[in-house]
Amino acid sequence: MQKILYNYLPQAAVLPVFDLIKSNQVYLKIVNERVTRHGDYRKLPDGQHQITINSNLNAYRFLITMVHEIAHLVAINIYGRGIKPHGLEWKHTFQQLMLPFLRPEIFPNQLLPLLAIHFKNPKASSDTDSKLSLALKQFDEPNDKNYIFEIPFGSTFRLYNGKIFVRGNKRVKRFECKEIATGRIYLFNPNAEVELLK
C-alpha cells in the first residue's frame, strides 16, 4: 500500500497518510474517474471502513480528498453517526487532520495561502472554492475542457452528461446558463469544466 501511495501523493505526505490509513483501519480503493465526486467514505456491512478516491486526481487534490474522507470516518467515531456529513464536527476534524500537511515540503508555495484561507472554514468540496480549485487545476494533466468563465457570452457548451447549454449573464459569483432542450436556467460555478461547442 505504501508503495502505491507514492504514485498518487506528494512524497513527503506518503508516510503520514499511510499512518492515518493504518490507525483508522481504512480499506482504500483507488478507482476510475467519477465526474460527480473525487472520493467517498462508507462503512461496509462487515464494519470495514472503505474510502474510494479517483485515480485521475493530481497529487495535491488526491491528498486533500484523502484527508477529507478520513475526516468523515474520524468525526463519526468521535461524535457519533448523528452528525451532519459536512457539519461543524466534520469541519473541525478536517481542519485538525489537514493542519500537519500544510507545509512547503508538501504543497507548492503558491497553494499554501489559498489552502490556509480554505481551511478556516472548509467546504463540502474544494471545487466550490473557485480560487483554490483553479490553483489546483494547474497541476492536472492538460485536457480539452474550458471553464465557464472562459466561455464567451451566448456561446454553447456541453456538459459531461451530454446536455447542451448557452452561456448567459454572470450573477454575483455564478453564471446563468440556459439548457437548450428544456429552456431551463441553471447556475454554474465559474470553475465548472465544460466542452465549448461554438
C-alpha atoms as a PDB file:
ATOM      1  CA  MET A   1       0.000   0.000   0.000  1.00  0.00           C
ATOM      2  CA  GLN A   2       2.745   2.434   0.942  1.00  0.00           C
ATOM      3  CA  LYS A   3       4.491   1.902  -2.424  1.00  0.00           C
ATOM      4  CA  ILE A   4       1.222   2.521  -4.272  1.00  0.00           C
ATOM      5  CA  LEU A   5       0.673   5.809  -2.425  1.00  0.00           C
ATOM      6  CA  TYR A   6       3.925   7.200  -3.876  1.00  0.00           C
ATOM      7  CA  ASN A   7       2.168   7.168  -7.288  1.00  0.00           C
ATOM      8  CA  TYR A   8      -0.645   9.410  -6.060  1.00  0.00           C
ATOM      9  CA  LEU A   9       0.597  11.688  -3.264  1.00  0.00           C
ATOM     10  CA  PRO A  10       3.332  14.288  -2.761  1.00  0.00           C
ATOM     11  CA  GLN A  11       6.337  12.276  -1.470  1.00  0.00           C
ATOM     12  CA  ALA A  12       6.518  13.998   1.928  1.00  0.00           C
ATOM     13  CA  ALA A  13       2.833  13.164   2.550  1.00  0.00           C
ATOM     14  CA  VAL A  14       3.048   9.403   1.934  1.00  0.00           C
ATOM     15  CA  LEU A  15       4.164   8.251   5.402  1.00  0.00           C
ATOM     16  CA  PRO A  16       1.739  10.437   7.396  1.00  0.00           C
ATOM     17  CA  VAL A  17      -1.172   9.432   5.095  1.00  0.00           C
ATOM     18  CA  PHE A  18      -0.164   5.772   5.418  1.00  0.00           C
ATOM     19  CA  ASP A  19      -0.211   6.199   9.225  1.00  0.00           C
ATOM     20  CA  LEU A  20      -3.732   7.689   9.016  1.00  0.00           C
ATOM     21  CA  ILE A  21      -4.887   4.763   6.865  1.00  0.00           C
ATOM     22  CA  LYS A  22      -3.388   2.200   9.273  1.00  0.00           C
ATOM     23  CA  SER A  23      -4.542   3.852  12.512  1.00  0.00           C
ATOM     24  CA  ASN A  24      -8.111   4.225  11.204  1.00  0.00           C
ATOM     25  CA  GLN A  25      -8.152   0.758   9.586  1.00  0.00           C
ATOM     26  CA  VAL A  26      -9.136   2.161   6.197  1.00  0.00           C
ATOM     27  CA  TYR A  27      -9.685  -0.071   3.193  1.00  0.00           C
ATOM     28  CA  LEU A  28      -8.552   2.230   0.361  1.00  0.00           C
ATOM     29  CA  LYS A  29      -9.779   1.709  -3.205  1.00  0.00           C
ATOM     30  CA  ILE A  30      -8.348   3.831  -5.997  1.00  0.00           C
ATOM     31  CA  VAL A  31     -10.983   3.895  -8.742  1.00  0.00           C
ATOM     32  CA  ASN A  32     -11.605   5.238 -12.245  1.00  0.00           C
ATOM     33  CA  GLU A  33     -12.785   8.836 -12.546  1.00  0.00           C
ATOM     34  CA  ARG A  34     -16.287   9.664 -11.346  1.00  0.00           C
ATOM     35  CA  VAL A  35     -17.434  13.036 -12.627  1.00  0.00           C
ATOM     36  CA  THR A  36     -19.676  13.830  -9.665  1.00  0.00           C
ATOM     37  CA  ARG A  37     -17.144  13.200  -6.881  1.00  0.00           C
ATOM     38  CA  HIS A  38     -13.427  12.955  -6.131  1.00  0.00           C
ATOM     39  CA  GLY A  39     -13.842  10.416  -3.343  1.00  0.00           C
ATOM     40  CA  ASP A  40     -16.188   8.943  -0.777  1.00  0.00           C
ATOM     41  CA  TYR A  41     -16.301   7.163   2.578  1.00  0.00           C
ATOM     42  CA  ARG A  42     -18.679   4.411   3.648  1.00  0.00           C
ATOM     43  CA  LYS A  43     -18.859   1.859   6.408  1.00  0.00           C
ATOM     44  CA  LEU A  44     -19.404  -1.542   4.819  1.00  0.00           C
ATOM     45  CA  PRO A  45     -21.871  -4.117   6.225  1.00  0.00           C
ATOM     46  CA  ASP A  46     -18.933  -6.103   7.683  1.00  0.00           C
ATOM     47  CA  GLY A  47     -17.838  -2.987   9.635  1.00  0.00           C
ATOM     48  CA  GLN A  48     -14.874  -2.181   7.381  1.00  0.00           C
ATOM     49  CA  HIS A  49     -14.170   1.494   6.610  1.00  0.00           C
ATOM     50  CA  GLN A  50     -13.923   1.903   2.819  1.00  0.00           C
ATOM     51  CA  ILE A  51     -12.604   5.045   1.164  1.00  0.00           C
ATOM     52  CA  THR A  52     -12.572   5.365  -2.616  1.00  0.00           C
ATOM     53  CA  ILE A  53     -10.520   8.036  -4.388  1.00  0.00           C
ATOM     54  CA  ASN A  54     -10.450   8.825  -8.111  1.00  0.00           C
ATOM     55  CA  SER A  55      -7.204   7.726  -9.756  1.00  0.00           C
ATOM     56  CA  ASN A  56      -7.000  10.758 -12.075  1.00  0.00           C
ATOM     57  CA  LEU A  57      -6.540  13.410  -9.355  1.00  0.00           C
ATOM     58  CA  ASN A  58      -3.275  15.324  -9.187  1.00  0.00           C
ATOM     59  CA  ALA A  59      -1.165  14.636  -6.067  1.00  0.00           C
ATOM     60  CA  TYR A  60      -2.378  17.724  -4.151  1.00  0.00           C
ATOM     61  CA  ARG A  61      -6.068  17.145  -4.865  1.00  0.00           C
ATOM     62  CA  PHE A  62      -5.623  13.445  -4.048  1.00  0.00           C
ATOM     63  CA  LEU A  63      -4.153  14.374  -0.646  1.00  0.00           C
ATOM     64  CA  ILE A  64      -6.931  16.868   0.170  1.00  0.00           C
ATOM     65  CA  THR A  65      -9.583  14.332  -0.892  1.00  0.00           C
ATOM     66  CA  MET A  66      -7.971  11.530   1.123  1.00  0.00           C
ATOM     67  CA  VAL A  67      -7.881  13.610   4.309  1.00  0.00           C
ATOM     68  CA  HIS A  68     -11.435  14.892   3.611  1.00  0.00           C
ATOM     69  CA  GLU A  69     -12.737  11.312   3.547  1.00  0.00           C
ATOM     70  CA  ILE A  70     -10.727  10.163   6.581  1.00  0.00           C
ATOM     71  CA  ALA A  71     -12.198  13.189   8.419  1.00  0.00           C
ATOM     72  CA  HIS A  72     -15.685  11.724   7.849  1.00  0.00           C
ATOM     73  CA  LEU A  73     -14.627   8.453   9.483  1.00  0.00           C
ATOM     74  CA  VAL A  74     -12.846  10.139  12.417  1.00  0.00           C
ATOM     75  CA  ALA A  75     -15.701  12.629  13.028  1.00  0.00           C
ATOM     76  CA  ILE A  76     -18.256   9.793  13.175  1.00  0.00           C
ATOM     77  CA  ASN A  77     -16.026   7.846  15.575  1.00  0.00           C
ATOM     78  CA  ILE A  78     -15.691  10.879  17.870  1.00  0.00           C
ATOM     79  CA  TYR A  79     -19.159  12.472  17.643  1.00  0.00           C
ATOM     80  CA  GLY A  80     -21.403   9.582  16.560  1.00  0.00           C
ATOM     81  CA  ARG A  81     -23.432   8.834  13.432  1.00  0.00           C
ATOM     82  CA  GLY A  82     -25.971  11.616  14.067  1.00  0.00           C
ATOM     83  CA  ILE A  83     -23.730  14.414  12.822  1.00  0.00           C
ATOM     84  CA  LYS A  84     -24.255  16.239   9.508  1.00  0.00           C
ATOM     85  CA  PRO A  85     -21.910  14.950   6.769  1.00  0.00           C
ATOM     86  CA  HIS A  86     -20.219  18.348   6.327  1.00  0.00           C
ATOM     87  CA  GLY A  87     -21.280  19.969   9.590  1.00  0.00           C
ATOM     88  CA  LEU A  88     -19.201  21.651  12.294  1.00  0.00           C
ATOM     89  CA  GLU A  89     -17.840  18.394  13.708  1.00  0.00           C
ATOM     90  CA  TRP A  90     -16.550  17.297  10.298  1.00  0.00           C
ATOM     91  CA  LYS A  91     -15.118  20.768   9.559  1.00  0.00           C
ATOM     92  CA  HIS A  92     -13.226  20.800  12.865  1.00  0.00           C
ATOM     93  CA  THR A  93     -11.923  17.240  12.312  1.00  0.00           C
ATOM     94  CA  PHE A  94     -10.870  18.028   8.723  1.00  0.00           C
ATOM     95  CA  GLN A  95      -9.005  21.154   9.887  1.00  0.00           C
ATOM     96  CA  GLN A  96      -7.157  19.207  12.588  1.00  0.00           C
ATOM     97  CA  LEU A  97      -6.210  16.334  10.284  1.00  0.00           C
ATOM     98  CA  MET A  98      -5.117  18.657   7.458  1.00  0.00           C
ATOM     99  CA  LEU A  99      -3.001  21.015   9.569  1.00  0.00           C
ATOM    100  CA  PRO A 100       0.164  18.835   9.625  1.00  0.00           C
ATOM    101  CA  PHE A 101       0.111  18.679   5.809  1.00  0.00           C
ATOM    102  CA  LEU A 102       0.023  22.455   5.212  1.00  0.00           C
ATOM    103  CA  ARG A 103       3.790  22.760   4.812  1.00  0.00           C
ATOM    104  CA  PRO A 104       6.077  23.793   1.942  1.00  0.00           C
ATOM    105  CA  GLU A 105       7.608  20.277   1.877  1.00  0.00           C
ATOM    106  CA  ILE A 106       4.195  19.000   0.756  1.00  0.00           C
ATOM    107  CA  PHE A 107       2.368  21.823  -1.076  1.00  0.00           C
ATOM    108  CA  PRO A 108       3.870  24.374  -3.501  1.00  0.00           C
ATOM    109  CA  ASN A 109       4.209  27.881  -2.051  1.00  0.00           C
ATOM    110  CA  GLN A 110       1.550  29.310  -4.387  1.00  0.00           C
ATOM    111  CA  LEU A 111      -1.067  26.911  -2.942  1.00  0.00           C
ATOM    112  CA  LEU A 112      -0.325  27.400   0.772  1.00  0.00           C
ATOM    113  CA  PRO A 113      -2.026  30.834   1.217  1.00  0.00           C
ATOM    114  CA  LEU A 114      -5.146  29.605  -0.626  1.00  0.00           C
ATOM    115  CA  LEU A 115      -5.226  26.441   1.486  1.00  0.00           C
ATOM    116  CA  ALA A 116      -4.867  28.498   4.681  1.00  0.00           C
ATOM    117  CA  ILE A 117      -7.923  30.566   3.683  1.00  0.00           C
ATOM    118  CA  HIS A 118      -9.895  27.470   2.601  1.00  0.00           C
ATOM    119  CA  PHE A 119      -9.255  25.620   5.866  1.00  0.00           C
ATOM    120  CA  LYS A 120     -10.539  28.447   8.040  1.00  0.00           C
ATOM    121  CA  ASN A 121     -13.968  27.123   7.051  1.00  0.00           C
ATOM    122  CA  PRO A 122     -13.618  24.091   4.741  1.00  0.00           C
ATOM    123  CA  LYS A 123     -16.430  23.421   2.286  1.00  0.00           C
ATOM    124  CA  ALA A 124     -18.015  20.101   1.330  1.00  0.00           C
ATOM    125  CA  SER A 125     -15.869  20.185  -1.832  1.00  0.00           C
ATOM    126  CA  SER A 126     -12.691  22.083  -2.683  1.00  0.00           C
ATOM    127  CA  ASP A 127     -14.321  22.629  -6.100  1.00  0.00           C
ATOM    128  CA  THR A 128     -16.747  25.149  -4.573  1.00  0.00           C
ATOM    129  CA  ASP A 129     -13.755  27.299  -3.587  1.00  0.00           C
ATOM    130  CA  SER A 130     -13.137  28.659  -7.079  1.00  0.00           C
ATOM    131  CA  LYS A 131      -9.736  30.272  -6.324  1.00  0.00           C
ATOM    132  CA  LEU A 132      -8.368  27.087  -4.764  1.00  0.00           C
ATOM    133  CA  SER A 133      -9.916  24.917  -7.482  1.00  0.00           C
ATOM    134  CA  LEU A 134      -8.301  26.993 -10.253  1.00  0.00           C
ATOM    135  CA  ALA A 135      -4.939  26.922  -8.466  1.00  0.00           C
ATOM    136  CA  LEU A 136      -5.123  23.128  -8.069  1.00  0.00           C
ATOM    137  CA  LYS A 137      -6.144  22.742 -11.729  1.00  0.00           C
ATOM    138  CA  GLN A 138      -2.731  23.907 -12.952  1.00  0.00           C
ATOM    139  CA  PHE A 139      -1.278  20.622 -11.638  1.00  0.00           C
ATOM    140  CA  ASP A 140      -3.764  18.482 -13.627  1.00  0.00           C
ATOM    141  CA  GLU A 141      -2.968  16.727 -16.889  1.00  0.00           C
ATOM    142  CA  PRO A 142      -3.970  19.012 -19.808  1.00  0.00           C
ATOM    143  CA  ASN A 143      -7.426  18.395 -21.284  1.00  0.00           C
ATOM    144  CA  ASP A 144      -9.707  19.924 -23.941  1.00  0.00           C
ATOM    145  CA  LYS A 145     -12.176  21.429 -21.460  1.00  0.00           C
ATOM    146  CA  ASN A 146     -12.851  25.110 -20.745  1.00  0.00           C
ATOM    147  CA  TYR A 147     -14.036  26.833 -17.611  1.00  0.00           C
ATOM    148  CA  ILE A 148     -17.432  28.536 -17.714  1.00  0.00           C
ATOM    149  CA  PHE A 149     -15.779  31.917 -17.094  1.00  0.00           C
ATOM    150  CA  GLU A 150     -13.703  31.399 -20.271  1.00  0.00           C
ATOM    151  CA  ILE A 151     -16.788  30.695 -22.430  1.00  0.00           C
ATOM    152  CA  PRO A 152     -17.961  33.826 -24.310  1.00  0.00           C
ATOM    153  CA  PHE A 153     -21.461  35.148 -23.603  1.00  0.00           C
ATOM    154  CA  GLY A 154     -24.014  33.476 -25.919  1.00  0.00           C
ATOM    155  CA  SER A 155     -21.746  30.525 -26.771  1.00  0.00           C
ATOM    156  CA  THR A 156     -22.942  26.950 -26.479  1.00  0.00           C
ATOM    157  CA  PHE A 157     -21.223  24.271 -24.438  1.00  0.00           C
ATOM    158  CA  ARG A 158     -21.735  20.630 -23.499  1.00  0.00           C
ATOM    159  CA  LEU A 159     -21.583  19.012 -20.066  1.00  0.00           C
ATOM    160  CA  TYR A 160     -20.100  15.589 -19.308  1.00  0.00           C
ATOM    161  CA  ASN A 161     -23.674  14.165 -19.398  1.00  0.00           C
ATOM    162  CA  GLY A 162     -24.293  15.403 -22.962  1.00  0.00           C
ATOM    163  CA  LYS A 163     -26.648  18.279 -22.050  1.00  0.00           C
ATOM    164  CA  ILE A 164     -26.108  21.436 -24.090  1.00  0.00           C
ATOM    165  CA  PHE A 165     -26.350  24.978 -22.680  1.00  0.00           C
ATOM    166  CA  VAL A 166     -25.991  28.591 -23.769  1.00  0.00           C
ATOM    167  CA  ARG A 167     -23.878  30.783 -21.501  1.00  0.00           C
ATOM    168  CA  GLY A 168     -25.748  33.782 -20.156  1.00  0.00           C
ATOM    169  CA  ASN A 169     -25.056  36.630 -17.740  1.00  0.00           C
ATOM    170  CA  LYS A 170     -22.886  36.492 -14.676  1.00  0.00           C
ATOM    171  CA  ARG A 171     -24.703  36.951 -11.397  1.00  0.00           C
ATOM    172  CA  VAL A 172     -22.703  37.845  -8.298  1.00  0.00           C
ATOM    173  CA  LYS A 173     -20.453  34.776  -8.446  1.00  0.00           C
ATOM    174  CA  ARG A 174     -22.093  32.242 -10.763  1.00  0.00           C
ATOM    175  CA  PHE A 175     -23.169  32.204 -14.402  1.00  0.00           C
ATOM    176  CA  GLU A 176     -26.749  31.801 -15.648  1.00  0.00           C
ATOM    177  CA  CYS A 177     -26.869  29.231 -18.432  1.00  0.00           C
ATOM    178  CA  LYS A 178     -29.914  28.038 -20.367  1.00  0.00           C
ATOM    179  CA  GLU A 179     -30.333  24.371 -21.215  1.00  0.00           C
ATOM    180  CA  ILE A 180     -31.233  24.243 -24.908  1.00  0.00           C
ATOM    181  CA  ALA A 181     -33.502  21.155 -24.718  1.00  0.00           C
ATOM    182  CA  THR A 182     -35.716  22.430 -21.865  1.00  0.00           C
ATOM    183  CA  GLY A 183     -35.179  26.219 -21.745  1.00  0.00           C
ATOM    184  CA  ARG A 184     -34.493  25.920 -18.010  1.00  0.00           C
ATOM    185  CA  ILE A 185     -31.948  28.241 -16.399  1.00  0.00           C
ATOM    186  CA  TYR A 186     -29.129  26.747 -14.315  1.00  0.00           C
ATOM    187  CA  LEU A 187     -26.411  28.440 -12.281  1.00  0.00           C
ATOM    188  CA  PHE A 188     -22.812  27.336 -12.827  1.00  0.00           C
ATOM    189  CA  ASN A 189     -19.739  27.979 -10.709  1.00  0.00           C
ATOM    190  CA  PRO A 190     -17.101  29.881 -12.725  1.00  0.00           C
ATOM    191  CA  ASN A 191     -14.669  26.954 -12.455  1.00  0.00           C
ATOM    192  CA  ALA A 192     -17.088  24.330 -13.854  1.00  0.00           C
ATOM    193  CA  GLU A 193     -15.324  22.483 -16.702  1.00  0.00           C
ATOM    194  CA  VAL A 194     -17.274  22.166 -19.938  1.00  0.00           C
ATOM    195  CA  GLU A 195     -16.748  21.484 -23.641  1.00  0.00           C
ATOM    196  CA  LEU A 196     -17.071  24.618 -25.811  1.00  0.00           C
ATOM    197  CA  LEU A 197     -19.127  23.920 -28.952  1.00  0.00           C
ATOM    198  CA  LYS A 198     -19.371  27.332 -30.685  1.00  0.00           C
END
